[in-house]
Amino acid sequence: MTIVNVSPKGQLVIPSHLRRKYGIKAPGRAFITEKEGQIVIVPAPTDPVAESRGMLKAKQSLTKMHAAYKQDERKLEETHERRLP
């Protein structure tokens, strides 16, 4: 455990070995939150768009999902047309 000083402005310095370990670069940004009575600091991504890639990844490709949807839709239309007088 490392002890750090807090300045009168509320600033603190994250030790270099922890900055290197967690990829916190200066100047940079980090998220800070409270969890279960502790303060948690998490490095903010440098490029949020690039970092979020794959976050909503589907189990199969969207092309296959769309083709299956269209096939189901055609079946429903055919069923509906058969019921019309």
PDB file of N, CA and C in Angstrom:
ATOM      1  N   MET A   1       0.855  -1.179   0.000  1.00  0.00           N
ATOM      2  CA  MET A   1       0.000   0.000   0.000  1.00  0.00           C
ATOM      3  C   MET A   1       0.895   1.234   0.000  1.00  0.00           C
ATOM      4  N   THR A   2       0.535   2.196  -0.806  1.00  0.00           N
ATOM      5  CA  THR A   2       1.309   3.418  -0.955  1.00  0.00           C
ATOM      6  C   THR A   2       0.520   4.575  -0.366  1.00  0.00           C
ATOM      7  N   ILE A   3       1.210   5.433   0.375  1.00  0.00           N
ATOM      8  CA  ILE A   3       0.571   6.626   0.939  1.00  0.00           C
ATOM      9  C   ILE A   3       0.892   7.806   0.038  1.00  0.00           C
ATOM     10  N   VAL A   4      -0.135   8.610  -0.273  1.00  0.00           N
ATOM     11  CA  VAL A   4       0.060   9.806  -1.089  1.00  0.00           C
ATOM     12  C   VAL A   4      -0.431  11.011  -0.302  1.00  0.00           C
ATOM     13  N   ASN A   5       0.111  12.164  -0.648  1.00  0.00           N
ATOM     14  CA  ASN A   5      -0.323  13.404  -0.012  1.00  0.00           C
ATOM     15  C   ASN A   5      -1.463  14.033  -0.813  1.00  0.00           C
ATOM     16  N   VAL A   6      -2.379  14.663  -0.102  1.00  0.00           N
ATOM     17  CA  VAL A   6      -3.468  15.388  -0.747  1.00  0.00           C
ATOM     18  C   VAL A   6      -3.192  16.868  -0.559  1.00  0.00           C
ATOM     19  N   SER A   7      -3.197  17.618  -1.669  1.00  0.00           N
ATOM     20  CA  SER A   7      -2.898  19.050  -1.607  1.00  0.00           C
ATOM     21  C   SER A   7      -4.103  19.808  -1.026  1.00  0.00           C
ATOM     22  N   PRO A   8      -3.897  21.089  -0.654  1.00  0.00           N
ATOM     23  CA  PRO A   8      -5.017  21.896  -0.157  1.00  0.00           C
ATOM     24  C   PRO A   8      -6.156  22.014  -1.180  1.00  0.00           C
ATOM     25  N   LYS A   9      -5.849  21.839  -2.465  1.00  0.00           N
ATOM     26  CA  LYS A   9      -6.878  21.881  -3.507  1.00  0.00           C
ATOM     27  C   LYS A   9      -7.562  20.525  -3.697  1.00  0.00           C
ATOM     28  N   GLY A  10      -7.163  19.505  -2.954  1.00  0.00           N
ATOM     29  CA  GLY A  10      -7.754  18.179  -3.083  1.00  0.00           C
ATOM     30  C   GLY A  10      -7.067  17.322  -4.128  1.00  0.00           C
ATOM     31  N   GLN A  11      -5.927  17.766  -4.616  1.00  0.00           N
ATOM     32  CA  GLN A  11      -5.215  17.014  -5.639  1.00  0.00           C
ATOM     33  C   GLN A  11      -4.291  15.989  -4.999  1.00  0.00           C
ATOM     34  N   LEU A  12      -4.117  14.862  -5.715  1.00  0.00           N
ATOM     35  CA  LEU A  12      -3.151  13.870  -5.259  1.00  0.00           C
ATOM     36  C   LEU A  12      -2.391  13.348  -6.461  1.00  0.00           C
ATOM     37  N   VAL A  13      -1.234  12.778  -6.206  1.00  0.00           N
ATOM     38  CA  VAL A  13      -0.391  12.259  -7.277  1.00  0.00           C
ATOM     39  C   VAL A  13      -0.450  10.739  -7.210  1.00  0.00           C
ATOM     40  N   ILE A  14      -0.813  10.145  -8.344  1.00  0.00           N
ATOM     41  CA  ILE A  14      -0.820   8.683  -8.420  1.00  0.00           C
ATOM     42  C   ILE A  14       0.620   8.242  -8.661  1.00  0.00           C
ATOM     43  N   PRO A  15       1.145   7.359  -7.829  1.00  0.00           N
ATOM     44  CA  PRO A  15       2.537   6.933  -7.981  1.00  0.00           C
ATOM     45  C   PRO A  15       2.829   6.385  -9.380  1.00  0.00           C
ATOM     46  N   SER A  16       4.061   6.611  -9.851  1.00  0.00           N
ATOM     47  CA  SER A  16       4.434   6.252 -11.225  1.00  0.00           C
ATOM     48  C   SER A  16       4.274   4.766 -11.503  1.00  0.00           C
ATOM     49  N   HIS A  17       4.583   3.904 -10.542  1.00  0.00           N
ATOM     50  CA  HIS A  17       4.468   2.470 -10.814  1.00  0.00           C
ATOM     51  C   HIS A  17       3.004   2.068 -11.051  1.00  0.00           C
ATOM     52  N   LEU A  18       2.076   2.735 -10.403  1.00  0.00           N
ATOM     53  CA  LEU A  18       0.658   2.456 -10.621  1.00  0.00           C
ATOM     54  C   LEU A  18       0.170   3.066 -11.939  1.00  0.00           C
ATOM     55  N   ARG A  19       0.682   4.247 -12.279  1.00  0.00           N
ATOM     56  CA  ARG A  19       0.314   4.860 -13.566  1.00  0.00           C
ATOM     57  C   ARG A  19       0.765   3.977 -14.724  1.00  0.00           C
ATOM     58  N   ARG A  20       1.988   3.450 -14.635  1.00  0.00           N
ATOM     59  CA  ARG A  20       2.497   2.557 -15.685  1.00  0.00           C
ATOM     60  C   ARG A  20       1.680   1.259 -15.742  1.00  0.00           C
ATOM     61  N   LYS A  21       1.420   0.688 -14.593  1.00  0.00           N
ATOM     62  CA  LYS A  21       0.694  -0.587 -14.520  1.00  0.00           C
ATOM     63  C   LYS A  21      -0.699  -0.481 -15.137  1.00  0.00           C
ATOM     64  N   TYR A  22      -1.395   0.628 -14.901  1.00  0.00           N
ATOM     65  CA  TYR A  22      -2.772   0.779 -15.355  1.00  0.00           C
ATOM     66  C   TYR A  22      -2.912   1.677 -16.578  1.00  0.00           C
ATOM     67  N   GLY A  23      -1.794   2.078 -17.164  1.00  0.00           N
ATOM     68  CA  GLY A  23      -1.830   2.838 -18.415  1.00  0.00           C
ATOM     69  C   GLY A  23      -2.387   4.239 -18.281  1.00  0.00           C
ATOM     70  N   ILE A  24      -2.186   4.868 -17.156  1.00  0.00           N
ATOM     71  CA  ILE A  24      -2.644   6.245 -16.965  1.00  0.00           C
ATOM     72  C   ILE A  24      -1.533   7.171 -17.436  1.00  0.00           C
ATOM     73  N   LYS A  25      -1.820   7.946 -18.465  1.00  0.00           N
ATOM     74  CA  LYS A  25      -0.816   8.840 -19.036  1.00  0.00           C
ATOM     75  C   LYS A  25      -1.094  10.271 -18.616  1.00  0.00           C
ATOM     76  N   ALA A  26      -0.015  11.063 -18.493  1.00  0.00           N
ATOM     77  CA  ALA A  26      -0.154  12.466 -18.124  1.00  0.00           C
ATOM     78  C   ALA A  26       0.194  13.324 -19.324  1.00  0.00           C
ATOM     79  N   PRO A  27      -0.520  14.325 -19.698  1.00  0.00           N
ATOM     80  CA  PRO A  27      -1.814  14.642 -19.085  1.00  0.00           C
ATOM     81  C   PRO A  27      -2.857  13.636 -19.568  1.00  0.00           C
ATOM     82  N   GLY A  28      -3.789  13.347 -18.723  1.00  0.00           N
ATOM     83  CA  GLY A  28      -4.814  12.372 -19.059  1.00  0.00           C
ATOM     84  C   GLY A  28      -6.026  12.539 -18.165  1.00  0.00           C
ATOM     85  N   ARG A  29      -6.929  11.596 -18.284  1.00  0.00           N
ATOM     86  CA  ARG A  29      -8.160  11.658 -17.502  1.00  0.00           C
ATOM     87  C   ARG A  29      -8.417  10.305 -16.866  1.00  0.00           C
ATOM     88  N   ALA A  30      -9.175  10.328 -15.779  1.00  0.00           N
ATOM     89  CA  ALA A  30      -9.548   9.093 -15.097  1.00  0.00           C
ATOM     90  C   ALA A  30     -10.932   9.279 -14.483  1.00  0.00           C
ATOM     91  N   PHE A  31     -11.640   8.178 -14.367  1.00  0.00           N
ATOM     92  CA  PHE A  31     -12.929   8.199 -13.677  1.00  0.00           C
ATOM     93  C   PHE A  31     -12.671   7.952 -12.206  1.00  0.00           C
ATOM     94  N   ILE A  32     -13.427   8.626 -11.366  1.00  0.00           N
ATOM     95  CA  ILE A  32     -13.307   8.405  -9.927  1.00  0.00           C
ATOM     96  C   ILE A  32     -14.705   8.197  -9.379  1.00  0.00           C
ATOM     97  N   THR A  33     -14.859   7.149  -8.577  1.00  0.00           N
ATOM     98  CA  THR A  33     -16.164   6.820  -8.020  1.00  0.00           C
ATOM     99  C   THR A  33     -15.990   6.212  -6.641  1.00  0.00           C
ATOM    100  N   GLU A  34     -17.098   6.043  -5.971  1.00  0.00           N
ATOM    101  CA  GLU A  34     -17.091   5.420  -4.654  1.00  0.00           C
ATOM    102  C   GLU A  34     -17.771   4.071  -4.765  1.00  0.00           C
ATOM    103  N   LYS A  35     -17.146   3.047  -4.193  1.00  0.00           N
ATOM    104  CA  LYS A  35     -17.732   1.712  -4.243  1.00  0.00           C
ATOM    105  C   LYS A  35     -17.456   1.006  -2.924  1.00  0.00           C
ATOM    106  N   GLU A  36     -18.526   0.642  -2.262  1.00  0.00           N
ATOM    107  CA  GLU A  36     -18.436  -0.079  -0.993  1.00  0.00           C
ATOM    108  C   GLU A  36     -17.525   0.637   0.010  1.00  0.00           C
ATOM    109  N   GLY A  37     -17.690   1.957   0.104  1.00  0.00           N
ATOM    110  CA  GLY A  37     -16.941   2.741   1.075  1.00  0.00           C
ATOM    111  C   GLY A  37     -15.502   3.035   0.698  1.00  0.00           C
ATOM    112  N   GLN A  38     -15.129   2.765  -0.562  1.00  0.00           N
ATOM    113  CA  GLN A  38     -13.773   3.032  -1.013  1.00  0.00           C
ATOM    114  C   GLN A  38     -13.811   3.924  -2.243  1.00  0.00           C
ATOM    115  N   ILE A  39     -12.753   4.690  -2.438  1.00  0.00           N
ATOM    116  CA  ILE A  39     -12.618   5.516  -3.629  1.00  0.00           C
ATOM    117  C   ILE A  39     -11.914   4.678  -4.686  1.00  0.00           C
ATOM    118  N   VAL A  40     -12.513   4.630  -5.882  1.00  0.00           N
ATOM    119  CA  VAL A  40     -11.960   3.829  -6.971  1.00  0.00           C
ATOM    120  C   VAL A  40     -11.603   4.757  -8.134  1.00  0.00           C
ATOM    121  N   ILE A  41     -10.382   4.625  -8.645  1.00  0.00           N
ATOM    122  CA  ILE A  41      -9.915   5.417  -9.785  1.00  0.00           C
ATOM    123  C   ILE A  41      -9.707   4.462 -10.953  1.00  0.00           C
ATOM    124  N   VAL A  42     -10.344   4.779 -12.082  1.00  0.00           N
ATOM    125  CA  VAL A  42     -10.250   3.942 -13.276  1.00  0.00           C
ATOM    126  C   VAL A  42      -9.781   4.818 -14.433  1.00  0.00           C
ATOM    127  N   PRO A  43      -8.763   4.383 -15.178  1.00  0.00           N
ATOM    128  CA  PRO A  43      -8.295   5.176 -16.321  1.00  0.00           C
ATOM    129  C   PRO A  43      -9.417   5.376 -17.337  1.00  0.00           C
ATOM    130  N   ALA A  44      -9.563   6.605 -17.835  1.00  0.00           N
ATOM    131  CA  ALA A  44     -10.548   6.891 -18.884  1.00  0.00           C
ATOM    132  C   ALA A  44      -9.904   6.560 -20.222  1.00  0.00           C
ATOM    133  N   PRO A  45     -10.679   5.994 -21.145  1.00  0.00           N
ATOM    134  CA  PRO A  45     -10.089   5.680 -22.452  1.00  0.00           C
ATOM    135  C   PRO A  45      -9.677   6.955 -23.180  1.00  0.00           C
ATOM    136  N   THR A  46      -8.580   6.865 -23.919  1.00  0.00           N
ATOM    137  CA  THR A  46      -8.112   8.037 -24.663  1.00  0.00           C
ATOM    138  C   THR A  46      -9.011   8.303 -25.862  1.00  0.00           C
ATOM    139  N   ASP A  47      -9.535   7.239 -26.479  1.00  0.00           N
ATOM    140  CA  ASP A  47     -10.463   7.363 -27.599  1.00  0.00           C
ATOM    141  C   ASP A  47     -11.697   6.526 -27.264  1.00  0.00           C
ATOM    142  N   PRO A  48     -12.729   7.135 -26.704  1.00  0.00           N
ATOM    143  CA  PRO A  48     -13.896   6.371 -26.264  1.00  0.00           C
ATOM    144  C   PRO A  48     -14.553   5.565 -27.377  1.00  0.00           C
ATOM    145  N   VAL A  49     -14.518   6.061 -28.601  1.00  0.00           N
ATOM    146  CA  VAL A  49     -15.130   5.337 -29.713  1.00  0.00           C
ATOM    147  C   VAL A  49     -14.362   4.045 -29.980  1.00  0.00           C
ATOM    148  N   ALA A  50     -13.049   4.149 -30.056  1.00  0.00           N
ATOM    149  CA  ALA A  50     -12.227   2.967 -30.312  1.00  0.00           C
ATOM    150  C   ALA A  50     -12.321   1.976 -29.150  1.00  0.00           C
ATOM    151  N   GLU A  51     -12.354   2.469 -27.947  1.00  0.00           N
ATOM    152  CA  GLU A  51     -12.407   1.610 -26.772  1.00  0.00           C
ATOM    153  C   GLU A  51     -13.739   0.882 -26.646  1.00  0.00           C
ATOM    154  N   SER A  52     -14.802   1.438 -27.223  1.00  0.00           N
ATOM    155  CA  SER A  52     -16.116   0.809 -27.088  1.00  0.00           C
ATOM    156  C   SER A  52     -16.408  -0.198 -28.200  1.00  0.00           C
ATOM    157  N   ARG A  53     -15.498  -0.363 -29.135  1.00  0.00           N
ATOM    158  CA  ARG A  53     -15.704  -1.335 -30.215  1.00  0.00           C
ATOM    159  C   ARG A  53     -15.864  -2.730 -29.634  1.00  0.00           C
ATOM    160  N   GLY A  54     -16.872  -3.438 -30.154  1.00  0.00           N
ATOM    161  CA  GLY A  54     -17.116  -4.805 -29.709  1.00  0.00           C
ATOM    162  C   GLY A  54     -17.982  -4.900 -28.474  1.00  0.00           C
ATOM    163  N   MET A  55     -18.318  -3.772 -27.883  1.00  0.00           N
ATOM    164  CA  MET A  55     -19.104  -3.777 -26.644  1.00  0.00           C
ATOM    165  C   MET A  55     -20.489  -4.365 -26.874  1.00  0.00           C
ATOM    166  N   LEU A  56     -21.073  -4.127 -28.046  1.00  0.00           N
ATOM    167  CA  LEU A  56     -22.412  -4.598 -28.348  1.00  0.00           C
ATOM    168  C   LEU A  56     -22.378  -5.722 -29.390  1.00  0.00           C
ATOM    169  N   LYS A  57     -21.337  -6.492 -29.350  1.00  0.00           N
ATOM    170  CA  LYS A  57     -21.140  -7.512 -30.356  1.00  0.00           C
ATOM    171  C   LYS A  57     -22.256  -8.552 -30.299  1.00  0.00           C
ATOM    172  N   ALA A  58     -22.840  -8.826 -31.459  1.00  0.00           N
ATOM    173  CA  ALA A  58     -23.914  -9.806 -31.563  1.00  0.00           C
ATOM    174  C   ALA A  58     -23.336 -11.214 -31.690  1.00  0.00           C
ATOM    175  N   LYS A  59     -24.175 -12.226 -31.425  1.00  0.00           N
ATOM    176  CA  LYS A  59     -23.724 -13.613 -31.521  1.00  0.00           C
ATOM    177  C   LYS A  59     -23.487 -14.026 -32.968  1.00  0.00           C
ATOM    178  N   GLN A  60     -24.221 -13.410 -33.904  1.00  0.00           N
ATOM    179  CA  GLN A  60     -24.010 -13.678 -35.317  1.00  0.00           C
ATOM    180  C   GLN A  60     -23.990 -12.349 -36.070  1.00  0.00           C
ATOM    181  N   SER A  61     -23.585 -12.406 -37.330  1.00  0.00           N
ATOM    182  CA  SER A  61     -23.452 -11.165 -38.096  1.00  0.00           C
ATOM    183  C   SER A  61     -24.818 -10.531 -38.332  1.00  0.00           C
ATOM    184  N   LEU A  62     -24.832  -9.225 -38.460  1.00  0.00           N
ATOM    185  CA  LEU A  62     -26.084  -8.513 -38.716  1.00  0.00           C
ATOM    186  C   LEU A  62     -26.674  -8.897 -40.058  1.00  0.00           C
ATOM    187  N   THR A  63     -25.834  -9.250 -41.032  1.00  0.00           N
ATOM    188  CA  THR A  63     -26.328  -9.667 -42.341  1.00  0.00           C
ATOM    189  C   THR A  63     -27.163 -10.938 -42.210  1.00  0.00           C
ATOM    190  N   LYS A  64     -26.657 -11.899 -41.446  1.00  0.00           N
ATOM    191  CA  LYS A  64     -27.406 -13.147 -41.232  1.00  0.00           C
ATOM    192  C   LYS A  64     -28.685 -12.888 -40.435  1.00  0.00           C
ATOM    193  N   MET A  65     -28.601 -12.041 -39.435  1.00  0.00           N
ATOM    194  CA  MET A  65     -29.786 -11.722 -38.635  1.00  0.00           C
ATOM    195  C   MET A  65     -30.848 -11.057 -39.498  1.00  0.00           C
ATOM    196  N   HIS A  66     -30.422 -10.159 -40.380  1.00  0.00           N
ATOM    197  CA  HIS A  66     -31.360  -9.456 -41.249  1.00  0.00           C
ATOM    198  C   HIS A  66     -31.996 -10.426 -42.250  1.00  0.00           C
ATOM    199  N   ALA A  67     -31.203 -11.337 -42.810  1.00  0.00           N
ATOM    200  CA  ALA A  67     -31.724 -12.321 -43.762  1.00  0.00           C
ATOM    201  C   ALA A  67     -32.770 -13.211 -43.089  1.00  0.00           C
ATOM    202  N   ALA A  68     -32.504 -13.648 -41.876  1.00  0.00           N
ATOM    203  CA  ALA A  68     -33.466 -14.476 -41.144  1.00  0.00           C
ATOM    204  C   ALA A  68     -34.745 -13.689 -40.857  1.00  0.00           C
ATOM    205  N   TYR A  69     -34.601 -12.436 -40.503  1.00  0.00           N
ATOM    206  CA  TYR A  69     -35.762 -11.582 -40.244  1.00  0.00           C
ATOM    207  C   TYR A  69     -36.617 -11.441 -41.504  1.00  0.00           C
ATOM    208  N   LYS A  70     -35.971 -11.186 -42.639  1.00  0.00           N
ATOM    209  CA  LYS A  70     -36.705 -11.034 -43.899  1.00  0.00           C
ATOM    210  C   LYS A  70     -37.408 -12.337 -44.290  1.00  0.00           C
ATOM    211  N   GLN A  71     -36.764 -13.469 -44.053  1.00  0.00           N
ATOM    212  CA  GLN A  71     -37.377 -14.758 -44.356  1.00  0.00           C
ATOM    213  C   GLN A  71     -38.628 -14.973 -43.496  1.00  0.00           C
ATOM    214  N   ASP A  72     -38.535 -14.670 -42.214  1.00  0.00           N
ATOM    215  CA  ASP A  72     -39.693 -14.776 -41.323  1.00  0.00           C
ATOM    216  C   ASP A  72     -40.809 -13.837 -41.774  1.00  0.00           C
ATOM    217  N   GLU A  73     -40.432 -12.652 -42.192  1.00  0.00           N
ATOM    218  CA  GLU A  73     -41.408 -11.674 -42.642  1.00  0.00           C
ATOM    219  C   GLU A  73     -42.137 -12.177 -43.901  1.00  0.00           C
ATOM    220  N   ARG A  74     -41.390 -12.782 -44.850  1.00  0.00           N
ATOM    221  CA  ARG A  74     -42.007 -13.329 -46.061  1.00  0.00           C
ATOM    222  C   ARG A  74     -42.998 -14.437 -45.720  1.00  0.00           C
ATOM    223  N   LYS A  75     -42.635 -15.307 -44.770  1.00  0.00           N
ATOM    224  CA  LYS A  75     -43.536 -16.394 -44.360  1.00  0.00           C
ATOM    225  C   LYS A  75     -44.832 -15.835 -43.777  1.00  0.00           C
ATOM    226  N   LEU A  76     -44.709 -14.803 -42.958  1.00  0.00           N
ATOM    227  CA  LEU A  76     -45.899 -14.182 -42.372  1.00  0.00           C
ATOM    228  C   LEU A  76     -46.781 -13.570 -43.443  1.00  0.00           C
ATOM    229  N   GLU A  77     -46.167 -12.921 -44.429  1.00  0.00           N
ATOM    230  CA  GLU A  77     -46.937 -12.319 -45.519  1.00  0.00           C
ATOM    231  C   GLU A  77     -47.657 -13.391 -46.336  1.00  0.00           C
ATOM    232  N   GLU A  78     -46.969 -14.502 -46.619  1.00  0.00           N
ATOM    233  CA  GLU A  78     -47.591 -15.591 -47.369  1.00  0.00           C
ATOM    234  C   GLU A  78     -48.769 -16.180 -46.605  1.00  0.00           C
ATOM    235  N   THR A  79     -48.621 -16.370 -45.309  1.00  0.00           N
ATOM    236  CA  THR A  79     -49.693 -16.891 -44.469  1.00  0.00           C
ATOM    237  C   THR A  79     -50.884 -15.931 -44.488  1.00  0.00           C
ATOM    238  N   HIS A  80     -50.600 -14.664 -44.382  1.00  0.00           N
ATOM    239  CA  HIS A  80     -51.653 -13.641 -44.387  1.00  0.00           C
ATOM    240  C   HIS A  80     -52.383 -13.613 -45.736  1.00  0.00           C
ATOM    241  N   GLU A  81     -51.625 -13.719 -46.840  1.00  0.00           N
ATOM    242  CA  GLU A  81     -52.232 -13.693 -48.180  1.00  0.00           C
ATOM    243  C   GLU A  81     -53.120 -14.903 -48.405  1.00  0.00           C
ATOM    244  N   ARG A  82     -52.764 -16.077 -47.861  1.00  0.00           N
ATOM    245  CA  ARG A  82     -53.594 -17.270 -48.012  1.00  0.00           C
ATOM    246  C   ARG A  82     -54.936 -17.125 -47.313  1.00  0.00           C
ATOM    247  N   ARG A  83     -54.955 -16.352 -46.238  1.00  0.00           N
ATOM    248  CA  ARG A  83     -56.186 -16.156 -45.464  1.00  0.00           C
ATOM    249  C   ARG A  83     -57.124 -15.119 -46.072  1.00  0.00           C
ATOM    250  N   LEU A  84     -56.637 -14.336 -47.009  1.00  0.00           N
ATOM    251  CA  LEU A  84     -57.476 -13.314 -47.642  1.00  0.00           C
ATOM    252  C   LEU A  84     -58.438 -13.982 -48.629  1.00  0.00           C
ATOM    253  N   PRO A  85     -59.683 -13.419 -48.739  1.00  0.00           N
ATOM    254  CA  PRO A  85     -60.649 -13.997 -49.674  1.00  0.00           C
ATOM    255  C   PRO A  85     -60.286 -13.761 -51.109  1.00  0.00           C
TER     256      PRO A  85
END
